[in-house]
PDB file of N, CA and C in Angstrom:
ATOM      1  N   UNK A   1      87.727  88.567  96.712  1.00  0.00           N
ATOM      2  CA  UNK A   1      86.676  87.933  97.469  1.00  0.00           C
ATOM      3  C   UNK A   1      86.090  88.937  98.441  1.00  0.00           C
ATOM      4  N   UNK A   2      84.787  89.094  98.445  1.00  0.00           N
ATOM      5  CA  UNK A   2      84.118  90.016  99.346  1.00  0.00           C
ATOM      6  C   UNK A   2      83.704  89.294 100.616  1.00  0.00           C
ATOM      7  N   UNK A   3      83.997  89.896 101.754  1.00  0.00           N
ATOM      8  CA  UNK A   3      83.590  89.343 103.031  1.00  0.00           C
ATOM      9  C   UNK A   3      82.417  90.147 103.563  1.00  0.00           C
ATOM     10  N   UNK A   4      81.570  89.498 104.317  1.00  0.00           N
ATOM     11  CA  UNK A   4      80.421  90.167 104.911  1.00  0.00           C
ATOM     12  C   UNK A   4      80.660  90.271 106.405  1.00  0.00           C
ATOM     13  N   UNK A   5      80.423  91.439 106.979  1.00  0.00           N
ATOM     14  CA  UNK A   5      80.661  91.666 108.399  1.00  0.00           C
ATOM     15  C   UNK A   5      79.362  92.103 109.065  1.00  0.00           C
ATOM     16  N   UNK A   6      79.080  91.523 110.211  1.00  0.00           N
ATOM     17  CA  UNK A   6      77.911  91.894 111.001  1.00  0.00           C
ATOM     18  C   UNK A   6      78.325  93.030 111.928  1.00  0.00           C
ATOM     19  N   UNK A   7      77.690  94.176 111.822  1.00  0.00           N
ATOM     20  CA  UNK A   7      78.032  95.314 112.657  1.00  0.00           C
ATOM     21  C   UNK A   7      76.753  96.029 113.068  1.00  0.00           C
ATOM     22  N   UNK A   8      76.526  96.106 114.356  1.00  0.00           N
ATOM     23  CA  UNK A   8      75.337  96.755 114.914  1.00  0.00           C
ATOM     24  C   UNK A   8      74.049  96.213 114.300  1.00  0.00           C
ATOM     25  N   UNK A   9      74.009  94.920 114.066  1.00  0.00           N
ATOM     26  CA  UNK A   9      72.794  94.299 113.560  1.00  0.00           C
ATOM     27  C   UNK A   9      72.543  94.501 112.079  1.00  0.00           C
ATOM     28  N   UNK A  10      73.464  95.143 111.366  1.00  0.00           N
ATOM     29  CA  UNK A  10      73.290  95.411 109.941  1.00  0.00           C
ATOM     30  C   UNK A  10      74.389  94.680 109.178  1.00  0.00           C
ATOM     31  N   UNK A  11      74.013  93.979 108.130  1.00  0.00           N
ATOM     32  CA  UNK A  11      75.006  93.291 107.312  1.00  0.00           C
ATOM     33  C   UNK A  11      75.647  94.303 106.369  1.00  0.00           C
ATOM     34  N   UNK A  12      76.955  94.381 106.405  1.00  0.00           N
ATOM     35  CA  UNK A  12      77.675  95.276 105.500  1.00  0.00           C
ATOM     36  C   UNK A  12      78.654  94.460 104.674  1.00  0.00           C
ATOM     37  N   UNK A  13      78.861  94.868 103.465  1.00  0.00           N
ATOM     38  CA  UNK A  13      79.771  94.170 102.577  1.00  0.00           C
ATOM     39  C   UNK A  13      80.949  95.083 102.289  1.00  0.00           C
ATOM     40  N   UNK A  14      82.137  94.564 102.496  1.00  0.00           N
ATOM     41  CA  UNK A  14      83.347  95.338 102.263  1.00  0.00           C
ATOM     42  C   UNK A  14      84.046  94.787 101.028  1.00  0.00           C
ATOM     43  N   UNK A  15      84.295  95.659 100.077  1.00  0.00           N
ATOM     44  CA  UNK A  15      84.913  95.271  98.813  1.00  0.00           C
ATOM     45  C   UNK A  15      86.403  94.988  99.018  1.00  0.00           C
ATOM     46  N   UNK A  16      86.877  93.865  98.472  1.00  0.00           N
ATOM     47  CA  UNK A  16      88.301  93.476  98.520  1.00  0.00           C
ATOM     48  C   UNK A  16      88.857  93.399  99.936  1.00  0.00           C
ATOM     49  N   UNK A  17      88.058  92.970 100.900  1.00  0.00           N
ATOM     50  CA  UNK A  17      88.523  92.903 102.285  1.00  0.00           C
ATOM     51  C   UNK A  17      89.474  91.730 102.491  1.00  0.00           C
ATOM     52  N   UNK A  18      90.572  92.003 103.186  1.00  0.00           N
ATOM     53  CA  UNK A  18      91.525  90.963 103.565  1.00  0.00           C
ATOM     54  C   UNK A  18      91.992  91.230 104.989  1.00  0.00           C
ATOM     55  N   UNK A  19      92.503  90.205 105.630  1.00  0.00           N
ATOM     56  CA  UNK A  19      93.078  90.377 106.962  1.00  0.00           C
ATOM     57  C   UNK A  19      94.601  90.380 106.806  1.00  0.00           C
ATOM     58  N   UNK A  20      95.248  91.283 107.527  1.00  0.00           N
ATOM     59  CA  UNK A  20      96.693  91.457 107.417  1.00  0.00           C
ATOM     60  C   UNK A  20      97.336  91.159 108.772  1.00  0.00           C
ATOM     61  N   UNK A  21      98.366  90.348 108.769  1.00  0.00           N
ATOM     62  CA  UNK A  21      99.132  90.006 109.975  1.00  0.00           C
ATOM     63  C   UNK A  21      98.253  89.449 111.098  1.00  0.00           C
ATOM     64  N   UNK A  22      97.098  88.924 110.772  1.00  0.00           N
ATOM     65  CA  UNK A  22      96.134  88.430 111.754  1.00  0.00           C
ATOM     66  C   UNK A  22      95.837  89.473 112.825  1.00  0.00           C
ATOM     67  N   UNK A  23      95.928  90.752 112.438  1.00  0.00           N
ATOM     68  CA  UNK A  23      95.775  91.857 113.369  1.00  0.00           C
ATOM     69  C   UNK A  23      94.700  92.847 112.933  1.00  0.00           C
ATOM     70  N   UNK A  24      94.616  93.123 111.634  1.00  0.00           N
ATOM     71  CA  UNK A  24      93.650  94.113 111.162  1.00  0.00           C
ATOM     72  C   UNK A  24      93.123  93.751 109.779  1.00  0.00           C
ATOM     73  N   UNK A  25      91.940  94.290 109.495  1.00  0.00           N
ATOM     74  CA  UNK A  25      91.293  94.140 108.191  1.00  0.00           C
ATOM     75  C   UNK A  25      91.624  95.362 107.355  1.00  0.00           C
ATOM     76  N   UNK A  26      91.748  95.176 106.050  1.00  0.00           N
ATOM     77  CA  UNK A  26      91.903  96.291 105.112  1.00  0.00           C
ATOM     78  C   UNK A  26      90.915  96.057 103.975  1.00  0.00           C
ATOM     79  N   UNK A  27      90.218  97.113 103.551  1.00  0.00           N
ATOM     80  CA  UNK A  27      89.215  96.984 102.500  1.00  0.00           C
ATOM     81  C   UNK A  27      89.089  98.273 101.703  1.00  0.00           C
ATOM     82  N   UNK A  28      88.553  98.150 100.504  1.00  0.00           N
ATOM     83  CA  UNK A  28      88.325  99.299  99.627  1.00  0.00           C
ATOM     84  C   UNK A  28      86.976  99.914  99.957  1.00  0.00           C
ATOM     85  N   UNK A  29      86.952 101.231 100.130  1.00  0.00           N
ATOM     86  CA  UNK A  29      85.699 101.910 100.438  1.00  0.00           C
ATOM     87  C   UNK A  29      84.898 102.158  99.160  1.00  0.00           C
ATOM     88  N   UNK A  30      83.687 102.557  99.313  1.00  0.00           N
ATOM     89  CA  UNK A  30      82.859 102.808  98.127  1.00  0.00           C
ATOM     90  C   UNK A  30      83.322 104.032  97.344  1.00  0.00           C
ATOM     91  N   UNK A  31      84.218 104.836  97.920  1.00  0.00           N
ATOM     92  CA  UNK A  31      84.747 106.017  97.232  1.00  0.00           C
ATOM     93  C   UNK A  31      86.110 105.763  96.601  1.00  0.00           C
ATOM     94  N   UNK A  32      86.572 104.494  96.612  1.00  0.00           N
ATOM     95  CA  UNK A  32      87.838 104.141  95.989  1.00  0.00           C
ATOM     96  C   UNK A  32      89.051 104.323  96.880  1.00  0.00           C
ATOM     97  N   UNK A  33      88.839 104.676  98.140  1.00  0.00           N
ATOM     98  CA  UNK A  33      89.955 104.781  99.079  1.00  0.00           C
ATOM     99  C   UNK A  33      90.088 103.442  99.805  1.00  0.00           C
ATOM    100  N   UNK A  34      91.026 103.345 100.736  1.00  0.00           N
ATOM    101  CA  UNK A  34      91.255 102.118 101.499  1.00  0.00           C
ATOM    102  C   UNK A  34      91.186 102.421 102.978  1.00  0.00           C
ATOM    103  N   UNK A  35      90.536 101.544 103.733  1.00  0.00           N
ATOM    104  CA  UNK A  35      90.418 101.688 105.179  1.00  0.00           C
ATOM    105  C   UNK A  35      90.962 100.452 105.869  1.00  0.00           C
ATOM    106  N   UNK A  36      91.385 100.639 107.103  1.00  0.00           N
ATOM    107  CA  UNK A  36      91.871  99.530 107.921  1.00  0.00           C
ATOM    108  C   UNK A  36      91.321  99.697 109.332  1.00  0.00           C
ATOM    109  N   UNK A  37      91.096  98.575 109.985  1.00  0.00           N
ATOM    110  CA  UNK A  37      90.581  98.580 111.354  1.00  0.00           C
ATOM    111  C   UNK A  37      91.074  97.308 112.038  1.00  0.00           C
ATOM    112  N   UNK A  38      91.485  97.419 113.300  1.00  0.00           N
ATOM    113  CA  UNK A  38      91.953  96.245 114.021  1.00  0.00           C
ATOM    114  C   UNK A  38      90.802  95.269 114.224  1.00  0.00           C
ATOM    115  N   UNK A  39      91.139  93.989 114.340  1.00  0.00           N
ATOM    116  CA  UNK A  39      90.111  92.988 114.586  1.00  0.00           C
ATOM    117  C   UNK A  39      89.542  93.201 115.982  1.00  0.00           C
ATOM    118  N   UNK A  40      88.328  92.748 116.200  1.00  0.00           N
ATOM    119  CA  UNK A  40      87.637  93.003 117.466  1.00  0.00           C
ATOM    120  C   UNK A  40      88.363  92.423 118.664  1.00  0.00           C
ATOM    121  N   UNK A  41      89.051  91.305 118.506  1.00  0.00           N
ATOM    122  CA  UNK A  41      89.724  90.669 119.642  1.00  0.00           C
ATOM    123  C   UNK A  41      91.098  91.278 119.948  1.00  0.00           C
ATOM    124  N   UNK A  42      91.558  92.207 119.132  1.00  0.00           N
ATOM    125  CA  UNK A  42      92.868  92.826 119.355  1.00  0.00           C
ATOM    126  C   UNK A  42      92.759  93.825 120.494  1.00  0.00           C
ATOM    127  N   UNK A  43      93.789  93.924 121.339  1.00  0.00           N
ATOM    128  CA  UNK A  43      93.709  94.766 122.531  1.00  0.00           C
ATOM    129  C   UNK A  43      93.757  96.265 122.246  1.00  0.00           C
ATOM    130  N   UNK A  44      94.241  96.675 121.096  1.00  0.00           N
ATOM    131  CA  UNK A  44      94.276  98.093 120.714  1.00  0.00           C
ATOM    132  C   UNK A  44      93.252  98.296 119.596  1.00  0.00           C
ATOM    133  N   UNK A  45      92.290  99.168 119.800  1.00  0.00           N
ATOM    134  CA  UNK A  45      91.297  99.457 118.764  1.00  0.00           C
ATOM    135  C   UNK A  45      91.751 100.697 118.005  1.00  0.00           C
ATOM    136  N   UNK A  46      91.978 100.531 116.709  1.00  0.00           N
ATOM    137  CA  UNK A  46      92.525 101.614 115.899  1.00  0.00           C
ATOM    138  C   UNK A  46      92.050 101.447 114.464  1.00  0.00           C
ATOM    139  N   UNK A  47      91.924 102.538 113.744  1.00  0.00           N
ATOM    140  CA  UNK A  47      91.542 102.488 112.345  1.00  0.00           C
ATOM    141  C   UNK A  47      92.042 103.721 111.620  1.00  0.00           C
ATOM    142  N   UNK A  48      92.189 103.597 110.312  1.00  0.00           N
ATOM    143  CA  UNK A  48      92.590 104.742 109.496  1.00  0.00           C
ATOM    144  C   UNK A  48      92.196 104.513 108.044  1.00  0.00           C
ATOM    145  N   UNK A  49      92.271 105.577 107.256  1.00  0.00           N
ATOM    146  CA  UNK A  49      91.887 105.542 105.841  1.00  0.00           C
ATOM    147  C   UNK A  49      92.929 106.290 105.025  1.00  0.00           C
ATOM    148  N   UNK A  50      93.198 105.811 103.807  1.00  0.00           N
ATOM    149  CA  UNK A  50      94.155 106.463 102.926  1.00  0.00           C
ATOM    150  C   UNK A  50      93.849 106.160 101.464  1.00  0.00           C
ATOM    151  N   UNK A  51      94.638 106.714 100.580  1.00  0.00           N
ATOM    152  CA  UNK A  51      94.405 106.584  99.143  1.00  0.00           C
ATOM    153  C   UNK A  51      94.821 105.236  98.568  1.00  0.00           C
ATOM    154  N   UNK A  52      95.894 104.637  99.080  1.00  0.00           N
ATOM    155  CA  UNK A  52      96.444 103.428  98.480  1.00  0.00           C
ATOM    156  C   UNK A  52      96.532 102.307  99.509  1.00  0.00           C
ATOM    157  N   UNK A  53      96.223 101.102  99.069  1.00  0.00           N
ATOM    158  CA  UNK A  53      96.185  99.939  99.962  1.00  0.00           C
ATOM    159  C   UNK A  53      97.524  99.713 100.667  1.00  0.00           C
ATOM    160  N   UNK A  54      98.614  99.709  99.917  1.00  0.00           N
ATOM    161  CA  UNK A  54      99.930  99.457 100.512  1.00  0.00           C
ATOM    162  C   UNK A  54     100.292 100.509 101.553  1.00  0.00           C
ATOM    163  N   UNK A  55      99.942 101.763 101.294  1.00  0.00           N
ATOM    164  CA  UNK A  55     100.223 102.832 102.258  1.00  0.00           C
ATOM    165  C   UNK A  55      99.410 102.662 103.532  1.00  0.00           C
ATOM    166  N   UNK A  56      98.149 102.262 103.398  1.00  0.00           N
ATOM    167  CA  UNK A  56      97.295 102.052 104.563  1.00  0.00           C
ATOM    168  C   UNK A  56      97.849 100.914 105.417  1.00  0.00           C
ATOM    169  N   UNK A  57      98.286  99.844 104.787  1.00  0.00           N
ATOM    170  CA  UNK A  57      98.867  98.718 105.523  1.00  0.00           C
ATOM    171  C   UNK A  57     100.133  99.162 106.253  1.00  0.00           C
ATOM    172  N   UNK A  58     101.002  99.886 105.567  1.00  0.00           N
ATOM    173  CA  UNK A  58     102.242 100.366 106.173  1.00  0.00           C
ATOM    174  C   UNK A  58     101.965 101.290 107.362  1.00  0.00           C
ATOM    175  N   UNK A  59     101.024 102.216 107.191  1.00  0.00           N
ATOM    176  CA  UNK A  59     100.715 103.159 108.272  1.00  0.00           C
ATOM    177  C   UNK A  59     100.010 102.462 109.442  1.00  0.00           C
ATOM    178  N   UNK A  60      99.174 101.473 109.158  1.00  0.00           N
ATOM    179  CA  UNK A  60      98.509 100.745 110.237  1.00  0.00           C
ATOM    180  C   UNK A  60      99.542  99.995 111.075  1.00  0.00           C
ATOM    181  N   UNK A  61     100.493  99.352 110.423  1.00  0.00           N
ATOM    182  CA  UNK A  61     101.565  98.669 111.162  1.00  0.00           C
ATOM    183  C   UNK A  61     102.362  99.669 112.004  1.00  0.00           C
ATOM    184  N   UNK A  62     102.676 100.829 111.418  1.00  0.00           N
ATOM    185  CA  UNK A  62     103.401 101.884 112.118  1.00  0.00           C
ATOM    186  C   UNK A  62     102.629 102.353 113.348  1.00  0.00           C
ATOM    187  N   UNK A  63     101.337 102.645 113.176  1.00  0.00           N
ATOM    188  CA  UNK A  63     100.509 103.126 114.283  1.00  0.00           C
ATOM    189  C   UNK A  63     100.385 102.085 115.387  1.00  0.00           C
ATOM    190  N   UNK A  64     100.162 100.835 115.019  1.00  0.00           N
ATOM    191  CA  UNK A  64     100.021  99.791 116.029  1.00  0.00           C
ATOM    192  C   UNK A  64     101.321  99.559 116.795  1.00  0.00           C
ATOM    193  N   UNK A  65     102.449  99.620 116.090  1.00  0.00           N
ATOM    194  CA  UNK A  65     103.754  99.465 116.750  1.00  0.00           C
ATOM    195  C   UNK A  65     103.950 100.547 117.798  1.00  0.00           C
ATOM    196  N   UNK A  66     103.698 101.807 117.418  1.00  0.00           N
ATOM    197  CA  UNK A  66     103.906 102.917 118.343  1.00  0.00           C
ATOM    198  C   UNK A  66     102.817 102.987 119.422  1.00  0.00           C
ATOM    199  N   UNK A  67     101.620 102.541 119.115  1.00  0.00           N
ATOM    200  CA  UNK A  67     100.574 102.481 120.139  1.00  0.00           C
ATOM    201  C   UNK A  67     100.959 101.456 121.207  1.00  0.00           C
ATOM    202  N   UNK A  68     101.504 100.332 120.789  1.00  0.00           N
ATOM    203  CA  UNK A  68     101.948  99.299 121.728  1.00  0.00           C
ATOM    204  C   UNK A  68     103.097  99.809 122.594  1.00  0.00           C
ATOM    205  N   UNK A  69     104.017 100.576 121.991  1.00  0.00           N
ATOM    206  CA  UNK A  69     105.164 101.113 122.728  1.00  0.00           C
ATOM    207  C   UNK A  69     104.797 102.329 123.577  1.00  0.00           C
ATOM    208  N   UNK A  70     103.627 102.922 123.337  1.00  0.00           N
ATOM    209  CA  UNK A  70     103.209 104.104 124.086  1.00  0.00           C
ATOM    210  C   UNK A  70     103.800 105.400 123.565  1.00  0.00           C
ATOM    211  N   UNK A  71     104.315 105.390 122.331  1.00  0.00           N
ATOM    212  CA  UNK A  71     104.957 106.588 121.773  1.00  0.00           C
ATOM    213  C   UNK A  71     104.141 107.224 120.647  1.00  0.00           C
ATOM    214  N   UNK A  72     102.920 106.779 120.428  1.00  0.00           N
ATOM    215  CA  UNK A  72     102.123 107.278 119.304  1.00  0.00           C
ATOM    216  C   UNK A  72     101.841 108.774 119.417  1.00  0.00           C
ATOM    217  N   UNK A  73     101.542 109.278 120.622  1.00  0.00           N
ATOM    218  CA  UNK A  73     101.244 110.704 120.789  1.00  0.00           C
ATOM    219  C   UNK A  73     102.427 111.602 120.479  1.00  0.00           C
ATOM    220  N   UNK A  74     103.633 111.111 120.674  1.00  0.00           N
ATOM    221  CA  UNK A  74     104.812 111.953 120.455  1.00  0.00           C
ATOM    222  C   UNK A  74     105.232 112.022 118.987  1.00  0.00           C
ATOM    223  N   UNK A  75     104.701 111.145 118.126  1.00  0.00           N
ATOM    224  CA  UNK A  75     105.132 111.132 116.727  1.00  0.00           C
ATOM    225  C   UNK A  75     104.006 111.405 115.737  1.00  0.00           C
ATOM    226  N   UNK A  76     102.793 111.670 116.215  1.00  0.00           N
ATOM    227  CA  UNK A  76     101.676 111.956 115.318  1.00  0.00           C
ATOM    228  C   UNK A  76     101.045 113.293 115.691  1.00  0.00           C
ATOM    229  N   UNK A  77     100.337 113.870 114.741  1.00  0.00           N
ATOM    230  CA  UNK A  77      99.621 115.115 115.003  1.00  0.00           C
ATOM    231  C   UNK A  77      98.431 115.215 114.057  1.00  0.00           C
ATOM    232  N   UNK A  78      97.464 116.009 114.439  1.00  0.00           N
ATOM    233  CA  UNK A  78      96.297 116.247 113.605  1.00  0.00           C
ATOM    234  C   UNK A  78      96.521 117.529 112.826  1.00  0.00           C
ATOM    235  N   UNK A  79      96.334 117.468 111.528  1.00  0.00           N
ATOM    236  CA  UNK A  79      96.508 118.628 110.669  1.00  0.00           C
ATOM    237  C   UNK A  79      95.132 119.070 110.206  1.00  0.00           C
ATOM    238  N   UNK A  80      94.785 120.318 110.475  1.00  0.00           N
ATOM    239  CA  UNK A  80      93.479 120.822 110.073  1.00  0.00           C
ATOM    240  C   UNK A  80      92.391 120.370 111.034  1.00  0.00           C
ATOM    241  N   UNK A  81      91.196 120.608 110.668  1.00  0.00           N
ATOM    242  CA  UNK A  81      90.062 120.233 111.484  1.00  0.00           C
ATOM    243  C   UNK A  81      88.806 120.255 110.637  1.00  0.00           C
ATOM    244  N   UNK A  82      87.729 119.918 111.245  1.00  0.00           N
ATOM    245  CA  UNK A  82      86.464 119.952 110.491  1.00  0.00           C
ATOM    246  C   UNK A  82      85.407 120.633 111.324  1.00  0.00           C
ATOM    247  N   UNK A  83      84.612 121.432 110.657  1.00  0.00           N
ATOM    248  CA  UNK A  83      83.523 122.136 111.312  1.00  0.00           C
ATOM    249  C   UNK A  83      82.473 122.421 110.249  1.00  0.00           C
ATOM    250  N   UNK A  84      81.254 122.001 110.500  1.00  0.00           N
ATOM    251  CA  UNK A  84      80.203 122.229 109.529  1.00  0.00           C
ATOM    252  C   UNK A  84      79.500 123.551 109.758  1.00  0.00           C
ATOM    253  N   UNK A  85      79.821 124.229 110.864  1.00  0.00           N
ATOM    254  CA  UNK A  85      79.240 125.538 111.137  1.00  0.00           C
ATOM    255  C   UNK A  85      77.848 125.507 111.707  1.00  0.00           C
ATOM    256  N   UNK A  86      77.372 124.328 112.096  1.00  0.00           N
ATOM    257  CA  UNK A  86      76.026 124.190 112.642  1.00  0.00           C
ATOM    258  C   UNK A  86      76.103 123.356 113.908  1.00  0.00           C
ATOM    259  N   UNK A  87      75.481 123.837 114.963  1.00  0.00           N
ATOM    260  CA  UNK A  87      75.401 123.049 116.192  1.00  0.00           C
ATOM    261  C   UNK A  87      74.237 122.083 116.063  1.00  0.00           C
ATOM    262  N   UNK A  88      74.513 120.836 116.277  1.00  0.00           N
ATOM    263  CA  UNK A  88      73.458 119.834 116.186  1.00  0.00           C
ATOM    264  C   UNK A  88      72.879 119.530 117.538  1.00  0.00           C
TER     265      UNK A  88
END
């Protein structure tokens, strides 16, 4: 079932969107990956993307648990970076 979400005045359609644990949405992106984002009323705003739906759900639960406990910075890190080589 596809759900429609109003965001910044534009209607967007998310493929295979479901709500998990009444805390966050998970949906398939147009590139075949999976994304998750906390619901708007949740006190922690967080989102992530991954290759498989089950992995995204597991990692979102992990991130939210550690964000709530205040330990997320001590157990996560950014690998690599992005730079397009042009100043905008």
